[in-house]
Amino acid sequence: MAELYGAFSLFGTGENGLSYNVSSFWFQLSLGLICAYLFISLASWRFGFSVFRKREGDSNVSSVPWGLDVALSLFIVYLIVAPAFIQFLGKVSVKDRFIPAQESAQTVENKETGDVPPEEGTPEPQTEETPSPKDERDLSTQHPVARMLVRAKGTPYFIPIILVFIAAVVVVAPATEELVFRVVLQGAFERAARIRFGEPNPDPDPADAESPGASNRPNARVALAAIIPPALLFALLHAAAPEDPSAPQSAAALLYATLCGSVANVLTILICVSFLVIVSRATAGDLGCAARGEREGESGVQTPILARLIREFSQGLVLYAFVAPIVYLVKITLQNLYPSVIVDPAPILIFALAEGAVYYKTRSYPTVLGMHMGLNATSFLLLCMSIA
């Protein structure tokens, strides 16, 4: 659950918006990368939307071999078991390494604000040289990882924190969330909806003999029942209360939480994939990574699996460029209307519904992964623009 939607309030005004320095090299670089990404994506719209073309083997795609009971169990693993396990290990081994840094950061903040007198004659010029943009901006409604980067600016650990940030937020978090919410949960909801609302398939899949109706042809009701519940869960998990301005978390504490969350995400991926493959007998197609060839002309041309996965991932990056304006517009509008409230669930719901529709039509994990990584990468660049 490491979205960067808190960075969207960079567009806000007043105390709840983060200011820009348009003459900064990093601002111009980040802006240039975002503009280049949007331009390339819009120019490649035919390539992006070609992911919806029919492929060989898609005429009778059956439902996944796991039901809602398995999906909800794995969702609980993602939500509670794995993070709790990692937190427990961190408390007995890793966290102690962050405590001195956390206390040091808190001491510096106290010295800057004057709440606690300097100890042991700390040189006064130290506080004058330390940049203090965080004192001028309200970060309480920003996402925790956004607060971490802003508060880490000017420290010796800023570059390592950025690298951890990119790995955790741009790579690991999207991979985990798309597996859990799209592949596992949406796949199970679609299976249940096909049994309940689907039309009988004139050419049923023999593999679904143990659950009659699981290979029923989908319709509008099946699509809604498959897409909406996982999207709602995904959005609700991002609902949070603003940070207490009188007790801000230090960059060290936020970094520790980010590291624990990333290890928990990797563990969740291993548990989910292992369980689905070993127990539920899931195939690559069930996991959204089928080696299907594209149909070209009269004959089907089999594309190598790695090339196809890279192609579909790139198509997801292109598709996100068409969803981004709506998501950003909703976020900016709501943030300006309710500056003291975290409004992330609303734009996240819109994005999750778009991803769900794409996955429902394509059954392609790389495509929705590309969309999600595009979201987090562009949000990271927006945050870099404000930090600059």
Protein backbone atom coordinates (compact mmCIF):
# COMPACT_ATOMS: atom_id res chain seq x y z
CA MET A 1 0.00 0.00 0.00
CA ALA A 2 2.72 2.41 -0.94
CA GLU A 3 0.96 4.76 -3.33
CA LEU A 4 2.33 8.22 -4.00
CA TYR A 5 -1.00 9.96 -4.19
CA GLY A 6 0.07 12.29 -1.44
CA ALA A 7 2.38 13.86 -4.00
CA PHE A 8 -0.63 14.98 -6.01
CA SER A 9 -1.36 17.69 -3.45
CA LEU A 10 1.80 19.36 -4.66
CA PHE A 11 -0.61 21.21 -6.92
CA GLY A 12 -2.45 22.61 -3.92
CA THR A 13 -2.16 26.20 -2.83
CA GLY A 14 -1.41 27.76 0.52
CA GLU A 15 -0.19 25.76 3.47
CA ASN A 16 -1.26 22.38 2.08
CA GLY A 17 0.60 22.70 -1.23
CA LEU A 18 4.33 22.17 -1.71
CA SER A 19 6.11 25.01 -3.46
CA TYR A 20 8.23 24.76 -6.61
CA ASN A 21 11.54 26.27 -7.67
CA VAL A 22 11.12 26.36 -11.43
CA SER A 23 14.73 27.40 -12.01
CA SER A 24 16.08 24.25 -10.34
CA PHE A 25 17.79 21.69 -12.57
CA TRP A 26 15.98 18.83 -10.84
CA PHE A 27 12.63 20.54 -11.32
CA GLN A 28 13.29 20.99 -15.03
CA LEU A 29 14.62 17.44 -15.40
CA SER A 30 11.58 15.90 -13.69
CA LEU A 31 9.20 18.06 -15.70
CA GLY A 32 10.99 17.14 -18.91
CA LEU A 33 10.77 13.42 -18.15
CA ILE A 34 7.04 13.67 -17.41
CA CYS A 35 6.38 15.63 -20.61
CA ALA A 36 8.45 13.18 -22.68
CA TYR A 37 6.57 10.24 -21.18
CA LEU A 38 3.17 11.79 -21.92
CA PHE A 39 4.18 12.80 -25.45
CA ILE A 40 5.53 9.34 -26.32
CA SER A 41 2.46 7.65 -24.82
CA LEU A 42 -0.02 9.85 -26.67
CA ALA A 43 1.90 9.37 -29.91
CA SER A 44 1.84 5.58 -29.36
CA TRP A 45 -1.86 5.29 -28.59
CA ARG A 46 -2.41 2.66 -31.30
CA PHE A 47 0.31 0.52 -29.77
CA GLY A 48 -1.16 0.91 -26.27
CA PHE A 49 -4.74 0.06 -27.18
CA SER A 50 -3.65 -2.88 -29.31
CA VAL A 51 -3.45 -4.85 -26.07
CA PHE A 52 -7.22 -5.27 -26.34
CA ARG A 53 -6.99 -7.17 -29.64
CA LYS A 54 -8.04 -10.79 -29.63
CA ARG A 55 -5.24 -13.30 -29.25
CA GLU A 56 -4.99 -16.97 -29.89
CA GLY A 57 -6.52 -18.93 -27.07
CA ASP A 58 -8.76 -16.08 -25.89
CA SER A 59 -11.96 -17.40 -27.42
CA ASN A 60 -12.72 -19.63 -24.45
CA VAL A 61 -10.77 -18.28 -21.49
CA SER A 62 -11.92 -20.07 -18.36
CA SER A 63 -12.06 -18.67 -14.85
CA VAL A 64 -9.24 -19.08 -12.35
CA PRO A 65 -8.98 -22.33 -10.35
CA TRP A 66 -9.28 -20.65 -6.93
CA GLY A 67 -12.41 -19.36 -5.24
CA LEU A 68 -13.27 -16.47 -2.94
CA ASP A 69 -12.23 -18.46 0.14
CA VAL A 70 -8.65 -18.78 -1.13
CA ALA A 71 -8.59 -15.19 -2.41
CA LEU A 72 -9.77 -13.70 0.89
CA SER A 73 -7.30 -15.86 2.81
CA LEU A 74 -4.40 -14.57 0.71
CA PHE A 75 -5.75 -11.05 1.08
CA ILE A 76 -5.55 -11.45 4.87
CA VAL A 77 -1.96 -12.64 4.46
CA TYR A 78 -1.22 -9.48 2.51
CA LEU A 79 -3.06 -7.27 4.96
CA ILE A 80 -2.05 -8.65 8.34
CA VAL A 81 0.10 -11.76 8.57
CA ALA A 82 3.12 -10.83 6.45
CA PRO A 83 3.47 -7.20 7.65
CA ALA A 84 3.04 -8.29 11.27
CA PHE A 85 5.72 -10.95 10.84
CA ILE A 86 8.16 -8.46 9.34
CA GLN A 87 7.40 -5.88 12.02
CA PHE A 88 8.15 -8.48 14.70
CA LEU A 89 11.52 -9.34 13.14
CA GLY A 90 12.32 -5.64 12.77
CA LYS A 91 11.69 -4.90 16.43
CA VAL A 92 14.16 -7.52 17.58
CA SER A 93 16.89 -6.94 15.02
CA VAL A 94 16.65 -4.07 12.57
CA LYS A 95 14.83 -1.29 14.34
CA ASP A 96 17.59 -0.66 16.87
CA ARG A 97 19.78 0.60 14.02
CA PHE A 98 17.27 3.31 13.23
CA ILE A 99 16.69 4.52 16.78
CA PRO A 100 19.87 6.65 17.03
CA ALA A 101 19.14 8.26 13.66
CA GLN A 102 15.57 8.90 14.71
CA GLU A 103 16.63 10.53 17.97
CA SER A 104 19.23 12.61 16.14
CA ALA A 105 16.67 13.82 13.63
CA GLN A 106 14.26 14.72 16.42
CA THR A 107 16.99 16.61 18.24
CA VAL A 108 17.79 18.66 15.15
CA GLU A 109 14.10 19.48 14.68
CA ASN A 110 13.81 20.59 18.31
CA LYS A 111 16.86 22.80 18.01
CA GLU A 112 15.51 24.43 14.87
CA THR A 113 12.13 25.18 16.41
CA GLY A 114 13.59 26.23 19.77
CA ASP A 115 11.45 23.82 21.80
CA VAL A 116 14.50 22.29 23.49
CA PRO A 117 17.70 24.20 24.25
CA PRO A 118 20.84 22.95 22.47
CA GLU A 119 22.83 20.42 24.46
CA GLU A 120 26.54 20.56 25.19
CA GLY A 121 27.15 23.77 23.29
CA THR A 122 26.18 22.71 19.79
CA PRO A 123 27.47 25.38 17.35
CA GLU A 124 24.81 27.92 16.46
CA PRO A 125 25.72 28.17 12.72
CA GLN A 126 24.49 24.56 12.34
CA THR A 127 20.88 25.64 12.57
CA GLU A 128 21.36 28.56 10.19
CA GLU A 129 22.80 26.34 7.45
CA THR A 130 20.13 23.67 7.77
CA PRO A 131 17.35 24.20 5.20
CA SER A 132 13.91 24.40 6.74
CA PRO A 133 11.31 24.17 3.97
CA LYS A 134 9.43 21.61 6.03
CA ASP A 135 8.69 24.27 8.65
CA GLU A 136 6.87 26.35 6.05
CA ARG A 137 4.72 23.60 4.60
CA ASP A 138 2.00 21.43 6.06
CA LEU A 139 2.84 17.80 5.24
CA SER A 140 0.12 16.26 7.40
CA THR A 141 -2.03 15.24 4.42
CA GLN A 142 0.89 13.93 2.37
CA HIS A 143 1.56 10.22 1.98
CA PRO A 144 4.11 8.88 4.52
CA VAL A 145 6.69 8.14 1.83
CA ALA A 146 6.32 11.68 0.49
CA ARG A 147 6.91 13.05 3.99
CA MET A 148 9.96 10.82 4.29
CA LEU A 149 11.62 12.26 1.20
CA VAL A 150 10.84 15.87 2.08
CA ARG A 151 12.18 15.49 5.62
CA ALA A 152 15.27 13.60 4.49
CA LYS A 153 16.40 16.42 2.21
CA GLY A 154 19.69 17.88 3.36
CA THR A 155 20.74 14.78 5.32
CA PRO A 156 23.71 12.55 4.35
CA TYR A 157 21.28 9.69 3.72
CA PHE A 158 19.11 11.46 1.14
CA ILE A 159 20.44 9.58 -1.94
CA PRO A 160 20.21 6.09 -0.31
CA ILE A 161 16.68 6.95 0.83
CA ILE A 162 15.74 7.89 -2.74
CA LEU A 163 17.06 4.55 -4.01
CA VAL A 164 15.10 2.68 -1.36
CA PHE A 165 12.09 4.79 -2.23
CA ILE A 166 12.28 3.91 -5.95
CA ALA A 167 12.70 0.20 -5.29
CA ALA A 168 9.90 0.08 -2.70
CA VAL A 169 7.32 2.39 -4.25
CA VAL A 170 7.89 2.22 -7.99
CA VAL A 171 8.72 -1.50 -8.30
CA VAL A 172 7.84 -3.69 -5.31
CA ALA A 173 4.54 -2.13 -4.23
CA PRO A 174 2.89 -2.19 -7.70
CA ALA A 175 4.01 -5.78 -8.29
CA THR A 176 2.46 -6.89 -5.00
CA GLU A 177 -0.75 -4.91 -5.23
CA GLU A 178 -1.54 -5.95 -8.79
CA LEU A 179 -0.97 -9.58 -7.88
CA VAL A 180 -3.25 -9.39 -4.83
CA PHE A 181 -6.02 -7.12 -6.07
CA ARG A 182 -6.14 -7.89 -9.78
CA VAL A 183 -4.91 -11.46 -10.18
CA VAL A 184 -6.06 -13.03 -6.91
CA LEU A 185 -9.12 -11.03 -5.82
CA GLN A 186 -10.53 -9.95 -9.18
CA GLY A 187 -9.93 -13.41 -10.60
CA ALA A 188 -11.89 -14.98 -7.72
CA PHE A 189 -14.72 -12.45 -7.94
CA GLU A 190 -14.99 -13.06 -11.68
CA ARG A 191 -15.18 -16.82 -11.10
CA ALA A 192 -17.97 -16.40 -8.56
CA ALA A 193 -19.80 -13.93 -10.82
CA ARG A 194 -19.61 -16.29 -13.78
CA ILE A 195 -21.19 -19.05 -11.75
CA ARG A 196 -23.93 -16.72 -10.51
CA PHE A 197 -24.60 -14.44 -13.50
CA GLY A 198 -22.78 -15.92 -16.50
CA GLU A 199 -24.44 -17.36 -19.58
CA PRO A 200 -23.85 -21.07 -20.29
CA ASN A 201 -20.87 -21.63 -22.53
CA PRO A 202 -21.68 -23.75 -25.58
CA ASP A 203 -18.10 -25.03 -25.52
CA PRO A 204 -17.25 -25.43 -21.81
CA ASP A 205 -13.73 -25.93 -20.61
CA PRO A 206 -13.20 -29.54 -19.41
CA ALA A 207 -10.89 -28.23 -16.70
CA ASP A 208 -13.88 -26.64 -14.97
CA ALA A 209 -15.74 -29.91 -14.56
CA GLU A 210 -15.31 -29.78 -10.77
CA SER A 211 -17.13 -26.43 -10.55
CA PRO A 212 -19.99 -26.38 -13.08
CA GLY A 213 -20.60 -22.97 -14.55
CA ALA A 214 -17.15 -21.61 -13.81
CA SER A 215 -16.43 -21.33 -17.53
CA ASN A 216 -19.70 -19.54 -18.27
CA ARG A 217 -19.39 -16.68 -20.71
CA PRO A 218 -19.15 -13.27 -19.01
CA ASN A 219 -21.57 -10.40 -19.45
CA ALA A 220 -22.05 -6.89 -18.03
CA ARG A 221 -23.11 -8.12 -14.60
CA VAL A 222 -20.12 -10.44 -14.42
CA ALA A 223 -17.81 -7.54 -15.33
CA LEU A 224 -19.23 -5.23 -12.66
CA ALA A 225 -19.15 -7.94 -9.98
CA ALA A 226 -15.54 -8.76 -10.85
CA ILE A 227 -14.14 -5.21 -11.11
CA ILE A 228 -15.88 -3.15 -8.42
CA PRO A 229 -15.23 -5.12 -5.15
CA PRO A 230 -11.41 -5.30 -5.51
CA ALA A 231 -11.30 -1.65 -6.57
CA LEU A 232 -13.31 -0.61 -3.49
CA LEU A 233 -11.03 -2.60 -1.20
CA PHE A 234 -7.97 -1.07 -2.83
CA ALA A 235 -9.31 2.46 -2.36
CA LEU A 236 -10.50 1.93 1.22
CA LEU A 237 -7.07 0.68 2.27
CA HIS A 238 -5.67 4.10 1.39
CA ALA A 239 -8.02 5.96 3.70
CA ALA A 240 -6.08 7.49 6.58
CA ALA A 241 -6.15 10.34 9.06
CA PRO A 242 -3.77 13.28 8.62
CA GLU A 243 -0.55 13.28 10.60
CA ASP A 244 -0.57 15.14 13.89
CA PRO A 245 1.46 18.30 13.16
CA SER A 246 2.56 18.47 16.80
CA ALA A 247 4.17 15.01 16.62
CA PRO A 248 5.64 14.54 13.13
CA GLN A 249 7.38 11.28 12.31
CA SER A 250 11.07 11.52 11.58
CA ALA A 251 12.56 10.47 8.25
CA ALA A 252 14.25 7.52 10.01
CA ALA A 253 10.94 6.17 11.34
CA LEU A 254 9.31 6.55 7.94
CA LEU A 255 12.27 4.83 6.25
CA TYR A 256 12.01 1.92 8.68
CA ALA A 257 8.30 1.54 7.93
CA THR A 258 8.98 1.64 4.19
CA LEU A 259 11.65 -1.06 4.45
CA CYS A 260 9.41 -3.29 6.54
CA GLY A 261 6.56 -2.81 4.09
CA SER A 262 8.78 -3.72 1.14
CA VAL A 263 10.04 -6.93 2.74
CA ALA A 264 6.45 -7.79 3.64
CA ASN A 265 5.41 -7.23 0.03
CA VAL A 266 8.11 -9.55 -1.29
CA LEU A 267 7.09 -12.19 1.24
CA THR A 268 3.45 -11.77 0.19
CA ILE A 269 4.34 -12.36 -3.47
CA LEU A 270 6.21 -15.55 -2.60
CA ILE A 271 3.36 -16.85 -0.44
CA CYS A 272 0.63 -16.04 -2.96
CA VAL A 273 2.38 -17.44 -6.02
CA SER A 274 3.56 -20.57 -4.20
CA PHE A 275 0.10 -21.30 -2.80
CA LEU A 276 -1.72 -20.71 -6.08
CA VAL A 277 0.71 -22.82 -8.11
CA ILE A 278 1.13 -25.71 -5.64
CA VAL A 279 -2.31 -25.91 -4.03
CA SER A 280 -4.67 -24.37 -6.57
CA ARG A 281 -2.73 -25.71 -9.60
CA ALA A 282 -2.68 -22.27 -11.19
CA THR A 283 -1.03 -21.89 -14.59
CA ALA A 284 0.78 -18.92 -16.10
CA GLY A 285 -2.46 -17.95 -17.81
CA ASP A 286 -4.31 -17.92 -14.49
CA LEU A 287 -1.66 -15.55 -13.13
CA GLY A 288 -2.00 -13.21 -16.10
CA CYS A 289 1.25 -14.27 -17.76
CA ALA A 290 0.15 -16.71 -20.45
CA ALA A 291 2.44 -17.29 -23.42
CA ARG A 292 -0.14 -16.51 -26.09
CA GLY A 293 0.76 -15.39 -29.59
CA GLU A 294 -0.85 -12.49 -31.35
CA ARG A 295 -3.05 -13.11 -34.35
CA GLU A 296 -1.68 -11.47 -37.46
CA GLY A 297 -3.56 -11.89 -40.74
CA GLU A 298 -4.62 -15.42 -41.55
CA SER A 299 -2.08 -17.26 -39.41
CA GLY A 300 -1.18 -16.83 -35.78
CA VAL A 301 2.41 -15.82 -35.09
CA GLN A 302 3.74 -17.04 -31.77
CA THR A 303 5.59 -14.25 -29.95
CA PRO A 304 8.36 -15.25 -27.47
CA ILE A 305 7.03 -14.98 -23.95
CA LEU A 306 9.63 -12.48 -22.72
CA ALA A 307 9.05 -10.20 -25.69
CA ARG A 308 5.30 -10.43 -25.18
CA LEU A 309 5.53 -9.60 -21.48
CA ILE A 310 7.74 -6.59 -22.21
CA ARG A 311 5.34 -5.50 -24.96
CA GLU A 312 2.29 -5.72 -22.70
CA PHE A 313 4.11 -3.91 -19.90
CA SER A 314 4.91 -1.08 -22.32
CA GLN A 315 1.29 -1.00 -23.43
CA GLY A 316 0.28 -0.53 -19.80
CA LEU A 317 2.58 2.48 -19.54
CA VAL A 318 0.87 3.97 -22.59
CA LEU A 319 -2.63 3.28 -21.27
CA TYR A 320 -1.87 5.01 -17.97
CA ALA A 321 -1.15 8.26 -19.82
CA PHE A 322 -4.84 8.32 -20.85
CA VAL A 323 -6.08 7.62 -17.32
CA ALA A 324 -3.71 10.02 -15.53
CA PRO A 325 -5.47 13.31 -16.43
CA ILE A 326 -8.74 12.13 -14.89
CA VAL A 327 -7.04 10.82 -11.76
CA TYR A 328 -4.99 13.98 -11.28
CA LEU A 329 -7.95 16.27 -11.94
CA VAL A 330 -10.09 14.52 -9.30
CA LYS A 331 -7.23 14.61 -6.80
CA ILE A 332 -6.43 18.28 -7.35
CA THR A 333 -10.08 19.32 -7.21
CA LEU A 334 -10.85 17.43 -4.00
CA GLN A 335 -7.61 18.49 -2.33
CA ASN A 336 -8.38 22.14 -2.96
CA LEU A 337 -11.96 21.73 -1.74
CA TYR A 338 -10.93 19.80 1.40
CA PRO A 339 -7.32 20.81 2.16
CA SER A 340 -7.28 19.30 5.65
CA VAL A 341 -8.57 15.88 4.54
CA ILE A 342 -6.72 13.01 2.88
CA VAL A 343 -8.80 12.52 -0.25
CA ASP A 344 -6.67 9.75 -1.76
CA PRO A 345 -9.41 7.06 -1.85
CA ALA A 346 -11.43 8.93 -4.50
CA PRO A 347 -8.76 9.18 -7.24
CA ILE A 348 -7.40 5.77 -6.26
CA LEU A 349 -10.87 4.27 -6.80
CA ILE A 350 -11.01 5.76 -10.30
CA PHE A 351 -7.57 4.40 -11.11
CA ALA A 352 -8.40 0.96 -9.67
CA LEU A 353 -11.61 0.76 -11.72
CA ALA A 354 -9.64 1.58 -14.87
CA GLU A 355 -7.05 -1.08 -14.03
CA GLY A 356 -9.79 -3.59 -13.27
CA ALA A 357 -11.43 -2.96 -16.63
CA VAL A 358 -8.12 -3.39 -18.43
CA TYR A 359 -7.33 -6.64 -16.61
CA TYR A 360 -10.86 -7.93 -17.20
CA LYS A 361 -10.49 -7.40 -20.96
CA THR A 362 -6.89 -8.57 -21.31
CA ARG A 363 -6.13 -10.95 -18.41
CA SER A 364 -2.63 -9.46 -18.60
CA TYR A 365 -0.67 -8.90 -15.41
CA PRO A 366 2.18 -7.04 -17.18
CA THR A 367 -0.29 -4.50 -18.59
CA VAL A 368 -1.80 -3.48 -15.26
CA LEU A 369 1.67 -3.59 -13.69
CA GLY A 370 2.83 -1.09 -16.30
CA MET A 371 -0.13 1.19 -15.51
CA HIS A 372 0.58 1.06 -11.78
CA MET A 373 4.31 1.63 -12.15
CA GLY A 374 3.56 4.55 -14.47
CA LEU A 375 1.39 6.09 -11.75
CA ASN A 376 4.00 5.73 -9.03
CA ALA A 377 6.89 6.82 -11.27
CA THR A 378 5.18 10.03 -12.40
CA SER A 379 4.13 10.76 -8.82
CA PHE A 380 7.74 10.31 -7.75
CA LEU A 381 8.86 12.82 -10.39
CA LEU A 382 6.22 15.29 -9.18
CA LEU A 383 7.59 14.91 -5.68
CA CYS A 384 11.12 15.47 -6.94
CA MET A 385 9.93 18.69 -8.56
CA SER A 386 8.75 20.00 -5.20
CA ILE A 387 11.82 18.80 -3.29
CA ALA A 388 14.04 20.58 -5.81
